């Protein structure tokens, strides 16, 4: 059994900018529902609209990899500086 929930525009906008937590908060406020139900509805909406929200998760994954890469580059640069400054 699959339910099709339409979400308010402000909730969808929060999802489009990648703020799932904010979307859940907005849904709770606008519809007066508890956290579990709001989370389920937001996740179900995202699942039903993978073509829109699937890339958001991929971008978050890539940004984490970029951050780690940046930290490694900084560590290598610092190590090289310390090695060659003696």
PDB file of N, CA and C in Angstrom:
ATOM      1  N   UNK A   1       0.851  -1.176   0.000  1.00  0.00           N
ATOM      2  CA  UNK A   1       0.000   0.000   0.000  1.00  0.00           C
ATOM      3  C   UNK A   1       0.895   1.236   0.000  1.00  0.00           C
ATOM      4  N   UNK A   2       0.713   2.069  -1.010  1.00  0.00           N
ATOM      5  CA  UNK A   2       1.567   3.248  -1.145  1.00  0.00           C
ATOM      6  C   UNK A   2       0.724   4.508  -1.026  1.00  0.00           C
ATOM      7  N   UNK A   3       1.134   5.392  -0.135  1.00  0.00           N
ATOM      8  CA  UNK A   3       0.432   6.657   0.048  1.00  0.00           C
ATOM      9  C   UNK A   3       1.161   7.742  -0.706  1.00  0.00           C
ATOM     10  N   UNK A   4       0.411   8.604  -1.364  1.00  0.00           N
ATOM     11  CA  UNK A   4       0.998   9.742  -2.047  1.00  0.00           C
ATOM     12  C   UNK A   4       0.686  10.994  -1.250  1.00  0.00           C
ATOM     13  N   UNK A   5       1.677  11.479  -0.529  1.00  0.00           N
ATOM     14  CA  UNK A   5       1.502  12.685   0.252  1.00  0.00           C
ATOM     15  C   UNK A   5       2.026  13.858  -0.562  1.00  0.00           C
ATOM     16  N   UNK A   6       1.204  14.896  -0.649  1.00  0.00           N
ATOM     17  CA  UNK A   6       1.716  16.123  -1.235  1.00  0.00           C
ATOM     18  C   UNK A   6       2.202  16.980  -0.077  1.00  0.00           C
ATOM     19  N   UNK A   7       3.338  17.582  -0.282  1.00  0.00           N
ATOM     20  CA  UNK A   7       3.928  18.388   0.772  1.00  0.00           C
ATOM     21  C   UNK A   7       3.731  19.864   0.464  1.00  0.00           C
ATOM     22  N   UNK A   8       3.637  20.696   1.498  1.00  0.00           N
ATOM     23  CA  UNK A   8       3.537  22.142   1.271  1.00  0.00           C
ATOM     24  C   UNK A   8       4.767  22.657   0.520  1.00  0.00           C
ATOM     25  N   UNK A   9       4.585  23.761  -0.172  1.00  0.00           N
ATOM     26  CA  UNK A   9       5.647  24.322  -1.009  1.00  0.00           C
ATOM     27  C   UNK A   9       6.909  24.648  -0.212  1.00  0.00           C
ATOM     28  N   UNK A  10       6.755  25.169   1.006  1.00  0.00           N
ATOM     29  CA  UNK A  10       7.952  25.513   1.786  1.00  0.00           C
ATOM     30  C   UNK A  10       8.742  24.272   2.191  1.00  0.00           C
ATOM     31  N   UNK A  11       8.066  23.156   2.382  1.00  0.00           N
ATOM     32  CA  UNK A  11       8.741  21.903   2.714  1.00  0.00           C
ATOM     33  C   UNK A  11       9.505  21.390   1.495  1.00  0.00           C
ATOM     34  N   UNK A  12       8.855  21.424   0.341  1.00  0.00           N
ATOM     35  CA  UNK A  12       9.513  20.989  -0.900  1.00  0.00           C
ATOM     36  C   UNK A  12      10.720  21.876  -1.201  1.00  0.00           C
ATOM     37  N   UNK A  13      10.585  23.181  -0.988  1.00  0.00           N
ATOM     38  CA  UNK A  13      11.709  24.087  -1.217  1.00  0.00           C
ATOM     39  C   UNK A  13      12.885  23.770  -0.304  1.00  0.00           C
ATOM     40  N   UNK A  14      12.602  23.435   0.941  1.00  0.00           N
ATOM     41  CA  UNK A  14      13.669  23.057   1.868  1.00  0.00           C
ATOM     42  C   UNK A  14      14.374  21.797   1.375  1.00  0.00           C
ATOM     43  N   UNK A  15      13.612  20.861   0.852  1.00  0.00           N
ATOM     44  CA  UNK A  15      14.217  19.642   0.301  1.00  0.00           C
ATOM     45  C   UNK A  15      15.068  19.949  -0.923  1.00  0.00           C
ATOM     46  N   UNK A  16      14.606  20.852  -1.751  1.00  0.00           N
ATOM     47  CA  UNK A  16      15.343  21.178  -2.981  1.00  0.00           C
ATOM     48  C   UNK A  16      16.698  21.800  -2.701  1.00  0.00           C
ATOM     49  N   UNK A  17      16.829  22.504  -1.571  1.00  0.00           N
ATOM     50  CA  UNK A  17      18.125  23.087  -1.230  1.00  0.00           C
ATOM     51  C   UNK A  17      18.948  22.126  -0.363  1.00  0.00           C
ATOM     52  N   UNK A  18      18.433  20.912  -0.151  1.00  0.00           N
ATOM     53  CA  UNK A  18      19.193  19.889   0.549  1.00  0.00           C
ATOM     54  C   UNK A  18      19.050  19.888   2.056  1.00  0.00           C
ATOM     55  N   UNK A  19      18.004  20.515   2.578  1.00  0.00           N
ATOM     56  CA  UNK A  19      17.822  20.583   4.027  1.00  0.00           C
ATOM     57  C   UNK A  19      16.666  19.689   4.459  1.00  0.00           C
ATOM     58  N   UNK A  20      16.961  18.406   4.579  1.00  0.00           N
ATOM     59  CA  UNK A  20      15.939  17.435   4.958  1.00  0.00           C
ATOM     60  C   UNK A  20      15.421  17.695   6.378  1.00  0.00           C
ATOM     61  N   UNK A  21      16.308  18.021   7.287  1.00  0.00           N
ATOM     62  CA  UNK A  21      15.903  18.283   8.674  1.00  0.00           C
ATOM     63  C   UNK A  21      14.968  19.482   8.742  1.00  0.00           C
ATOM     64  N   UNK A  22      15.306  20.543   8.010  1.00  0.00           N
ATOM     65  CA  UNK A  22      14.437  21.731   7.986  1.00  0.00           C
ATOM     66  C   UNK A  22      13.082  21.384   7.387  1.00  0.00           C
ATOM     67  N   UNK A  23      13.068  20.543   6.358  1.00  0.00           N
ATOM     68  CA  UNK A  23      11.805  20.130   5.745  1.00  0.00           C
ATOM     69  C   UNK A  23      10.935  19.381   6.751  1.00  0.00           C
ATOM     70  N   UNK A  24      11.543  18.519   7.533  1.00  0.00           N
ATOM     71  CA  UNK A  24      10.790  17.767   8.544  1.00  0.00           C
ATOM     72  C   UNK A  24      10.229  18.718   9.599  1.00  0.00           C
ATOM     73  N   UNK A  25      11.040  19.676  10.031  1.00  0.00           N
ATOM     74  CA  UNK A  25      10.568  20.658  11.020  1.00  0.00           C
ATOM     75  C   UNK A  25       9.392  21.458  10.472  1.00  0.00           C
ATOM     76  N   UNK A  26       9.518  21.925   9.234  1.00  0.00           N
ATOM     77  CA  UNK A  26       8.442  22.707   8.629  1.00  0.00           C
ATOM     78  C   UNK A  26       7.165  21.895   8.495  1.00  0.00           C
ATOM     79  N   UNK A  27       7.303  20.634   8.115  1.00  0.00           N
ATOM     80  CA  UNK A  27       6.135  19.771   7.970  1.00  0.00           C
ATOM     81  C   UNK A  27       5.449  19.557   9.319  1.00  0.00           C
ATOM     82  N   UNK A  28       6.242  19.372  10.360  1.00  0.00           N
ATOM     83  CA  UNK A  28       5.669  19.204  11.699  1.00  0.00           C
ATOM     84  C   UNK A  28       4.890  20.445  12.109  1.00  0.00           C
ATOM     85  N   UNK A  29       5.453  21.619  11.838  1.00  0.00           N
ATOM     86  CA  UNK A  29       4.800  22.876  12.230  1.00  0.00           C
ATOM     87  C   UNK A  29       3.525  23.102  11.426  1.00  0.00           C
ATOM     88  N   UNK A  30       3.612  22.925  10.104  1.00  0.00           N
ATOM     89  CA  UNK A  30       2.464  23.252   9.258  1.00  0.00           C
ATOM     90  C   UNK A  30       1.313  22.262   9.399  1.00  0.00           C
ATOM     91  N   UNK A  31       1.629  20.994   9.660  1.00  0.00           N
ATOM     92  CA  UNK A  31       0.563  20.006   9.726  1.00  0.00           C
ATOM     93  C   UNK A  31       0.293  19.493  11.133  1.00  0.00           C
ATOM     94  N   UNK A  32       1.082  19.926  12.105  1.00  0.00           N
ATOM     95  CA  UNK A  32       0.847  19.523  13.485  1.00  0.00           C
ATOM     96  C   UNK A  32       0.985  18.034  13.720  1.00  0.00           C
ATOM     97  N   UNK A  33       1.976  17.413  13.100  1.00  0.00           N
ATOM     98  CA  UNK A  33       2.172  15.973  13.252  1.00  0.00           C
ATOM     99  C   UNK A  33       3.452  15.709  14.043  1.00  0.00           C
ATOM    100  N   UNK A  34       3.599  14.474  14.514  1.00  0.00           N
ATOM    101  CA  UNK A  34       4.788  14.165  15.310  1.00  0.00           C
ATOM    102  C   UNK A  34       5.998  13.901  14.417  1.00  0.00           C
ATOM    103  N   UNK A  35       7.145  13.811  15.047  1.00  0.00           N
ATOM    104  CA  UNK A  35       8.413  13.696  14.343  1.00  0.00           C
ATOM    105  C   UNK A  35       8.480  12.454  13.454  1.00  0.00           C
ATOM    106  N   UNK A  36       8.063  11.326  13.965  1.00  0.00           N
ATOM    107  CA  UNK A  36       8.146  10.074  13.209  1.00  0.00           C
ATOM    108  C   UNK A  36       7.333  10.137  11.920  1.00  0.00           C
ATOM    109  N   UNK A  37       6.122  10.625  12.015  1.00  0.00           N
ATOM    110  CA  UNK A  37       5.259  10.707  10.832  1.00  0.00           C
ATOM    111  C   UNK A  37       5.823  11.710   9.829  1.00  0.00           C
ATOM    112  N   UNK A  38       6.282  12.853  10.324  1.00  0.00           N
ATOM    113  CA  UNK A  38       6.848  13.864   9.425  1.00  0.00           C
ATOM    114  C   UNK A  38       8.069  13.315   8.699  1.00  0.00           C
ATOM    115  N   UNK A  39       8.933  12.622   9.411  1.00  0.00           N
ATOM    116  CA  UNK A  39      10.130  12.032   8.802  1.00  0.00           C
ATOM    117  C   UNK A  39       9.737  11.008   7.741  1.00  0.00           C
ATOM    118  N   UNK A  40       8.776  10.150   8.061  1.00  0.00           N
ATOM    119  CA  UNK A  40       8.316   9.137   7.108  1.00  0.00           C
ATOM    120  C   UNK A  40       7.743   9.782   5.849  1.00  0.00           C
ATOM    121  N   UNK A  41       6.947  10.828   6.019  1.00  0.00           N
ATOM    122  CA  UNK A  41       6.334  11.487   4.859  1.00  0.00           C
ATOM    123  C   UNK A  41       7.370  12.172   3.989  1.00  0.00           C
ATOM    124  N   UNK A  42       8.343  12.821   4.615  1.00  0.00           N
ATOM    125  CA  UNK A  42       9.396  13.494   3.845  1.00  0.00           C
ATOM    126  C   UNK A  42      10.221  12.458   3.083  1.00  0.00           C
ATOM    127  N   UNK A  43      10.594  11.375   3.757  1.00  0.00           N
ATOM    128  CA  UNK A  43      11.384  10.342   3.100  1.00  0.00           C
ATOM    129  C   UNK A  43      10.609   9.655   1.987  1.00  0.00           C
ATOM    130  N   UNK A  44       9.321   9.443   2.208  1.00  0.00           N
ATOM    131  CA  UNK A  44       8.497   8.835   1.169  1.00  0.00           C
ATOM    132  C   UNK A  44       8.387   9.769  -0.036  1.00  0.00           C
ATOM    133  N   UNK A  45       8.222  11.042   0.224  1.00  0.00           N
ATOM    134  CA  UNK A  45       8.148  12.025  -0.866  1.00  0.00           C
ATOM    135  C   UNK A  45       9.458  12.035  -1.662  1.00  0.00           C
ATOM    136  N   UNK A  46      10.571  11.988  -0.940  1.00  0.00           N
ATOM    137  CA  UNK A  46      11.873  11.967  -1.613  1.00  0.00           C
ATOM    138  C   UNK A  46      12.039  10.694  -2.430  1.00  0.00           C
ATOM    139  N   UNK A  47      11.573   9.582  -1.896  1.00  0.00           N
ATOM    140  CA  UNK A  47      11.667   8.304  -2.610  1.00  0.00           C
ATOM    141  C   UNK A  47      10.823   8.330  -3.880  1.00  0.00           C
ATOM    142  N   UNK A  48       9.646   8.928  -3.798  1.00  0.00           N
ATOM    143  CA  UNK A  48       8.759   9.000  -4.958  1.00  0.00           C
ATOM    144  C   UNK A  48       9.283   9.974  -6.014  1.00  0.00           C
ATOM    145  N   UNK A  49      10.158  10.881  -5.611  1.00  0.00           N
ATOM    146  CA  UNK A  49      10.699  11.888  -6.528  1.00  0.00           C
ATOM    147  C   UNK A  49      12.215  11.772  -6.611  1.00  0.00           C
ATOM    148  N   UNK A  50      12.697  10.562  -6.819  1.00  0.00           N
ATOM    149  CA  UNK A  50      14.142  10.305  -6.853  1.00  0.00           C
ATOM    150  C   UNK A  50      14.853  11.138  -7.909  1.00  0.00           C
ATOM    151  N   UNK A  51      14.201  11.346  -9.041  1.00  0.00           N
ATOM    152  CA  UNK A  51      14.847  12.090 -10.118  1.00  0.00           C
ATOM    153  C   UNK A  51      15.183  13.513  -9.692  1.00  0.00           C
ATOM    154  N   UNK A  52      14.443  14.059  -8.738  1.00  0.00           N
ATOM    155  CA  UNK A  52      14.705  15.410  -8.243  1.00  0.00           C
ATOM    156  C   UNK A  52      15.660  15.390  -7.064  1.00  0.00           C
ATOM    157  N   UNK A  53      15.439  14.490  -6.123  1.00  0.00           N
ATOM    158  CA  UNK A  53      16.184  14.505  -4.872  1.00  0.00           C
ATOM    159  C   UNK A  53      17.320  13.501  -4.815  1.00  0.00           C
ATOM    160  N   UNK A  54      17.408  12.586  -5.751  1.00  0.00           N
ATOM    161  CA  UNK A  54      18.500  11.614  -5.761  1.00  0.00           C
ATOM    162  C   UNK A  54      19.849  12.281  -5.938  1.00  0.00           C
ATOM    163  N   UNK A  55      19.904  13.308  -6.789  1.00  0.00           N
ATOM    164  CA  UNK A  55      21.172  13.982  -7.033  1.00  0.00           C
ATOM    165  C   UNK A  55      21.635  14.763  -5.811  1.00  0.00           C
ATOM    166  N   UNK A  56      20.717  15.181  -4.961  1.00  0.00           N
ATOM    167  CA  UNK A  56      21.084  15.903  -3.748  1.00  0.00           C
ATOM    168  C   UNK A  56      21.937  15.038  -2.830  1.00  0.00           C
ATOM    169  N   UNK A  57      21.561  13.781  -2.660  1.00  0.00           N
ATOM    170  CA  UNK A  57      22.342  12.874  -1.826  1.00  0.00           C
ATOM    171  C   UNK A  57      23.704  12.624  -2.451  1.00  0.00           C
ATOM    172  N   UNK A  58      23.762  12.500  -3.762  1.00  0.00           N
ATOM    173  CA  UNK A  58      25.038  12.299  -4.436  1.00  0.00           C
ATOM    174  C   UNK A  58      25.940  13.505  -4.247  1.00  0.00           C
ATOM    175  N   UNK A  59      25.380  14.710  -4.296  1.00  0.00           N
ATOM    176  CA  UNK A  59      26.178  15.910  -4.084  1.00  0.00           C
ATOM    177  C   UNK A  59      26.706  15.957  -2.664  1.00  0.00           C
ATOM    178  N   UNK A  60      25.909  15.547  -1.676  1.00  0.00           N
ATOM    179  CA  UNK A  60      26.362  15.521  -0.293  1.00  0.00           C
ATOM    180  C   UNK A  60      27.494  14.511  -0.129  1.00  0.00           C
ATOM    181  N   UNK A  61      27.373  13.358  -0.791  1.00  0.00           N
ATOM    182  CA  UNK A  61      28.423  12.350  -0.722  1.00  0.00           C
ATOM    183  C   UNK A  61      29.717  12.885  -1.320  1.00  0.00           C
ATOM    184  N   UNK A  62      29.610  13.557  -2.467  1.00  0.00           N
ATOM    185  CA  UNK A  62      30.796  14.114  -3.127  1.00  0.00           C
ATOM    186  C   UNK A  62      31.428  15.213  -2.293  1.00  0.00           C
ATOM    187  N   UNK A  63      30.618  16.024  -1.619  1.00  0.00           N
ATOM    188  CA  UNK A  63      31.188  17.102  -0.818  1.00  0.00           C
ATOM    189  C   UNK A  63      31.961  16.544   0.370  1.00  0.00           C
ATOM    190  N   UNK A  64      31.534  15.420   0.925  1.00  0.00           N
ATOM    191  CA  UNK A  64      32.279  14.774   1.998  1.00  0.00           C
ATOM    192  C   UNK A  64      33.623  14.269   1.514  1.00  0.00           C
ATOM    193  N   UNK A  65      33.641  13.691   0.332  1.00  0.00           N
ATOM    194  CA  UNK A  65      34.895  13.216  -0.257  1.00  0.00           C
ATOM    195  C   UNK A  65      35.820  14.393  -0.539  1.00  0.00           C
ATOM    196  N   UNK A  66      35.273  15.477  -1.045  1.00  0.00           N
ATOM    197  CA  UNK A  66      36.079  16.673  -1.310  1.00  0.00           C
ATOM    198  C   UNK A  66      36.692  17.220  -0.027  1.00  0.00           C
ATOM    199  N   UNK A  67      35.927  17.207   1.050  1.00  0.00           N
ATOM    200  CA  UNK A  67      36.429  17.704   2.324  1.00  0.00           C
ATOM    201  C   UNK A  67      37.605  16.857   2.804  1.00  0.00           C
ATOM    202  N   UNK A  68      37.467  15.545   2.736  1.00  0.00           N
ATOM    203  CA  UNK A  68      38.549  14.654   3.149  1.00  0.00           C
ATOM    204  C   UNK A  68      39.776  14.871   2.263  1.00  0.00           C
ATOM    205  N   UNK A  69      39.558  15.002   0.962  1.00  0.00           N
ATOM    206  CA  UNK A  69      40.656  15.262   0.039  1.00  0.00           C
ATOM    207  C   UNK A  69      41.357  16.567   0.405  1.00  0.00           C
ATOM    208  N   UNK A  70      40.605  17.595   0.724  1.00  0.00           N
ATOM    209  CA  UNK A  70      41.158  18.887   1.115  1.00  0.00           C
ATOM    210  C   UNK A  70      42.016  18.748   2.371  1.00  0.00           C
ATOM    211  N   UNK A  71      41.543  18.011   3.356  1.00  0.00           N
ATOM    212  CA  UNK A  71      42.287  17.802   4.597  1.00  0.00           C
ATOM    213  C   UNK A  71      43.599  17.060   4.314  1.00  0.00           C
ATOM    214  N   UNK A  72      43.547  16.058   3.447  1.00  0.00           N
ATOM    215  CA  UNK A  72      44.756  15.305   3.099  1.00  0.00           C
ATOM    216  C   UNK A  72      45.767  16.216   2.413  1.00  0.00           C
ATOM    217  N   UNK A  73      45.311  17.061   1.512  1.00  0.00           N
ATOM    218  CA  UNK A  73      46.209  17.997   0.819  1.00  0.00           C
ATOM    219  C   UNK A  73      46.846  18.957   1.824  1.00  0.00           C
ATOM    220  N   UNK A  74      46.073  19.469   2.746  1.00  0.00           N
ATOM    221  CA  UNK A  74      46.609  20.370   3.772  1.00  0.00           C
ATOM    222  C   UNK A  74      47.666  19.646   4.611  1.00  0.00           C
ATOM    223  N   UNK A  75      47.366  18.404   5.004  1.00  0.00           N
ATOM    224  CA  UNK A  75      48.329  17.634   5.805  1.00  0.00           C
ATOM    225  C   UNK A  75      49.612  17.382   5.032  1.00  0.00           C
ATOM    226  N   UNK A  76      49.500  17.055   3.751  1.00  0.00           N
ATOM    227  CA  UNK A  76      50.695  16.840   2.927  1.00  0.00           C
ATOM    228  C   UNK A  76      51.493  18.124   2.760  1.00  0.00           C
ATOM    229  N   UNK A  77      50.812  19.235   2.556  1.00  0.00           N
ATOM    230  CA  UNK A  77      51.497  20.512   2.406  1.00  0.00           C
ATOM    231  C   UNK A  77      52.227  20.881   3.693  1.00  0.00           C
ATOM    232  N   UNK A  78      51.595  20.671   4.822  1.00  0.00           N
ATOM    233  CA  UNK A  78      52.224  20.970   6.111  1.00  0.00           C
ATOM    234  C   UNK A  78      53.447  20.077   6.338  1.00  0.00           C
ATOM    235  N   UNK A  79      53.300  18.787   6.012  1.00  0.00           N
ATOM    236  CA  UNK A  79      54.419  17.854   6.166  1.00  0.00           C
ATOM    237  C   UNK A  79      55.580  18.253   5.269  1.00  0.00           C
ATOM    238  N   UNK A  80      55.291  18.616   4.034  1.00  0.00           N
ATOM    239  CA  UNK A  80      56.340  19.047   3.116  1.00  0.00           C
ATOM    240  C   UNK A  80      57.004  20.326   3.618  1.00  0.00           C
ATOM    241  N   UNK A  81      56.245  21.240   4.122  1.00  0.00           N
ATOM    242  CA  UNK A  81      56.790  22.482   4.671  1.00  0.00           C
ATOM    243  C   UNK A  81      57.737  22.181   5.828  1.00  0.00           C
ATOM    244  N   UNK A  82      57.296  21.337   6.759  1.00  0.00           N
ATOM    245  CA  UNK A  82      58.124  21.004   7.922  1.00  0.00           C
ATOM    246  C   UNK A  82      59.391  20.256   7.499  1.00  0.00           C
ATOM    247  N   UNK A  83      59.281  19.401   6.508  1.00  0.00           N
ATOM    248  CA  UNK A  83      60.427  18.611   6.053  1.00  0.00           C
ATOM    249  C   UNK A  83      61.462  19.495   5.363  1.00  0.00           C
ATOM    250  N   UNK A  84      61.016  20.382   4.478  1.00  0.00           N
ATOM    251  CA  UNK A  84      61.937  21.195   3.708  1.00  0.00           C
ATOM    252  C   UNK A  84      62.374  22.486   4.407  1.00  0.00           C
ATOM    253  N   UNK A  85      61.758  22.834   5.512  1.00  0.00           N
ATOM    254  CA  UNK A  85      62.140  24.070   6.195  1.00  0.00           C
ATOM    255  C   UNK A  85      63.336  23.879   7.125  1.00  0.00           C
ATOM    256  N   UNK A  86      63.762  22.664   7.324  1.00  0.00           N
ATOM    257  CA  UNK A  86      64.920  22.413   8.203  1.00  0.00           C
ATOM    258  C   UNK A  86      66.189  22.600   7.493  1.00  0.00           C
TER     259      UNK A  86
END
